[in-house]
């Protein structure tokens, strides 16, 4: 991946306040990210499949996924994405308030690339996003386009 190009991230989050926190943390940590936000699994699938109104959106390098979503929750979304050969190679990191063990286990069984419980403290939240950025945006090498 070209380090000068922004890293394209799809955030699937139904809480505007949590989406705002992610945006703030990315900005505070000076991470070069082209962030797109959808509010549920149905809308996120439309984004990934470039269906209207998302016909011109870029393919994400990473998906950050809340589990508790309306219409199609994060578990259902993760199962659909990982079974779709055109989307399965996009890493999905669960970013949720749940610290319940069965949610962690289920997410990894559905091929999540990681699981982060959202810290409630803004400083800890910013630190978590910085760590996520250091790993996914600087250390890991991903394919530049879909398989």
Protein backbone atom coordinates (compact mmCIF):
# COMPACT_ATOMS: atom_id res chain seq x y z
CA UNK A 1 0.00 0.00 0.00
CA UNK A 2 1.29 3.45 -0.86
CA UNK A 3 1.97 5.18 2.49
CA UNK A 4 1.01 8.58 1.04
CA UNK A 5 -2.50 7.48 0.14
CA UNK A 6 -5.12 7.64 2.87
CA UNK A 7 -6.10 4.34 4.38
CA UNK A 8 -9.79 3.76 3.55
CA UNK A 9 -11.81 2.71 6.58
CA UNK A 10 -15.49 1.82 6.76
CA UNK A 11 -16.91 2.38 10.24
CA UNK A 12 -20.19 0.55 10.81
CA UNK A 13 -21.65 2.36 13.81
CA UNK A 14 -25.21 3.39 14.65
CA UNK A 15 -24.35 5.77 17.51
CA UNK A 16 -23.41 9.22 16.14
CA UNK A 17 -21.52 10.03 19.37
CA UNK A 18 -19.35 6.92 19.02
CA UNK A 19 -18.70 7.66 15.33
CA UNK A 20 -17.66 11.18 16.34
CA UNK A 21 -15.26 9.76 18.96
CA UNK A 22 -13.59 7.61 16.31
CA UNK A 23 -13.22 10.65 14.02
CA UNK A 24 -11.73 12.72 16.85
CA UNK A 25 -9.32 9.95 17.86
CA UNK A 26 -8.15 9.48 14.26
CA UNK A 27 -7.57 13.23 13.92
CA UNK A 28 -5.82 13.52 17.32
CA UNK A 29 -3.49 10.67 16.38
CA UNK A 30 -2.78 12.24 12.98
CA UNK A 31 -3.73 9.05 11.14
CA UNK A 32 -4.14 9.50 7.40
CA UNK A 33 -7.57 7.92 7.00
CA UNK A 34 -10.41 8.35 4.53
CA UNK A 35 -13.24 7.44 6.94
CA UNK A 36 -16.70 6.42 5.73
CA UNK A 37 -19.53 5.73 8.17
CA UNK A 38 -22.62 3.59 7.74
CA UNK A 39 -25.23 3.10 10.46
CA UNK A 40 -26.09 -0.60 10.16
CA UNK A 41 -25.17 -3.85 8.43
CA UNK A 42 -27.62 -3.39 5.55
CA UNK A 43 -26.21 0.02 4.66
CA UNK A 44 -22.64 -1.27 5.08
CA UNK A 45 -23.30 -4.09 2.60
CA UNK A 46 -24.72 -1.56 0.13
CA UNK A 47 -21.50 0.44 0.59
CA UNK A 48 -19.26 -2.59 0.06
CA UNK A 49 -21.22 -3.71 -3.00
CA UNK A 50 -21.25 -0.13 -4.33
CA UNK A 51 -25.01 -0.05 -4.60
CA UNK A 52 -26.81 3.30 -4.71
CA UNK A 53 -26.23 5.70 -3.09
CA UNK A 54 -22.67 4.32 -2.74
CA UNK A 55 -21.83 3.69 -6.40
CA UNK A 56 -18.66 5.82 -6.36
CA UNK A 57 -17.16 4.91 -2.97
CA UNK A 58 -13.68 3.42 -2.62
CA UNK A 59 -13.11 -0.14 -1.44
CA UNK A 60 -12.16 -0.09 2.25
CA UNK A 61 -8.82 -1.39 3.45
CA UNK A 62 -10.36 -2.07 6.87
CA UNK A 63 -13.82 -2.31 8.42
CA UNK A 64 -14.45 -1.25 12.03
CA UNK A 65 -17.67 -2.93 13.16
CA UNK A 66 -19.98 -2.37 16.09
CA UNK A 67 -21.89 -5.52 17.06
CA UNK A 68 -25.13 -3.98 18.27
CA UNK A 69 -26.73 -2.48 15.17
CA UNK A 70 -30.30 -2.06 13.91
CA UNK A 71 -31.69 -3.98 10.89
CA UNK A 72 -28.65 -6.29 10.55
CA UNK A 73 -26.42 -6.60 13.56
CA UNK A 74 -22.65 -6.91 13.45
CA UNK A 75 -22.61 -10.70 13.76
CA UNK A 76 -24.95 -11.14 10.80
CA UNK A 77 -22.95 -8.59 8.78
CA UNK A 78 -19.66 -10.33 9.59
CA UNK A 79 -21.08 -13.71 8.53
CA UNK A 80 -22.29 -12.30 5.18
CA UNK A 81 -19.03 -10.48 4.43
CA UNK A 82 -16.81 -13.46 5.20
CA UNK A 83 -18.91 -15.76 2.98
CA UNK A 84 -18.75 -13.33 0.03
CA UNK A 85 -15.62 -14.07 -2.03
CA UNK A 86 -15.53 -10.48 -3.31
CA UNK A 87 -15.42 -9.08 0.24
CA UNK A 88 -13.93 -11.80 2.43
CA UNK A 89 -10.36 -10.47 2.18
CA UNK A 90 -11.25 -7.13 3.83
CA UNK A 91 -10.17 -7.32 7.47
CA UNK A 92 -12.95 -6.62 9.95
CA UNK A 93 -12.10 -5.44 13.45
CA UNK A 94 -14.94 -5.48 15.93
CA UNK A 95 -15.08 -2.19 17.90
CA UNK A 96 -17.88 -2.51 20.41
CA UNK A 97 -18.96 -1.84 23.98
CA UNK A 98 -19.52 -5.54 24.66
CA UNK A 99 -16.89 -7.35 26.69
CA UNK A 100 -18.97 -10.51 26.93
CA UNK A 101 -16.85 -13.58 26.21
CA UNK A 102 -19.44 -15.21 23.93
CA UNK A 103 -19.36 -12.09 21.69
CA UNK A 104 -15.57 -12.27 21.49
CA UNK A 105 -15.63 -15.99 20.67
CA UNK A 106 -18.47 -15.61 18.13
CA UNK A 107 -16.67 -12.74 16.40
CA UNK A 108 -13.48 -14.74 15.94
CA UNK A 109 -15.47 -17.79 14.81
CA UNK A 110 -16.96 -15.51 12.13
CA UNK A 111 -13.39 -14.59 11.05
CA UNK A 112 -13.02 -11.17 12.68
CA UNK A 113 -9.43 -9.94 12.42
CA UNK A 114 -9.58 -8.45 15.91
CA UNK A 115 -11.85 -7.49 18.78
CA UNK A 116 -11.59 -4.22 20.69
CA UNK A 117 -13.86 -3.28 23.58
CA UNK A 118 -14.47 0.47 23.40
CA UNK A 119 -12.89 2.19 26.39
CA UNK A 120 -15.22 4.68 28.07
CA UNK A 121 -12.42 7.12 28.90
CA UNK A 122 -11.53 9.40 25.95
CA UNK A 123 -7.79 9.17 26.60
CA UNK A 124 -7.93 5.36 26.63
CA UNK A 125 -10.18 5.42 23.55
CA UNK A 126 -7.68 7.61 21.71
CA UNK A 127 -4.86 5.29 22.76
CA UNK A 128 -6.79 2.27 21.45
CA UNK A 129 -7.32 3.98 18.08
CA UNK A 130 -3.62 4.95 17.97
CA UNK A 131 -2.62 1.32 18.62
CA UNK A 132 -5.09 0.12 15.98
CA UNK A 133 -3.65 2.66 13.53
CA UNK A 134 -0.05 1.71 14.28
CA UNK A 135 -0.87 -1.92 13.58
CA UNK A 136 -3.24 -1.74 10.60
CA UNK A 137 -2.04 1.45 8.91
CA UNK A 138 1.73 1.17 9.45
CA UNK A 139 2.79 -2.39 10.24
CA UNK A 140 0.47 -4.76 8.35
CA UNK A 141 0.70 -5.16 4.59
CA UNK A 142 -2.64 -5.64 2.87
CA UNK A 143 -3.45 -6.21 -0.81
CA UNK A 144 -4.01 -2.95 -2.67
CA UNK A 145 -7.21 -4.25 -4.24
CA UNK A 146 -9.65 -7.09 -3.78
CA UNK A 147 -8.61 -10.63 -4.58
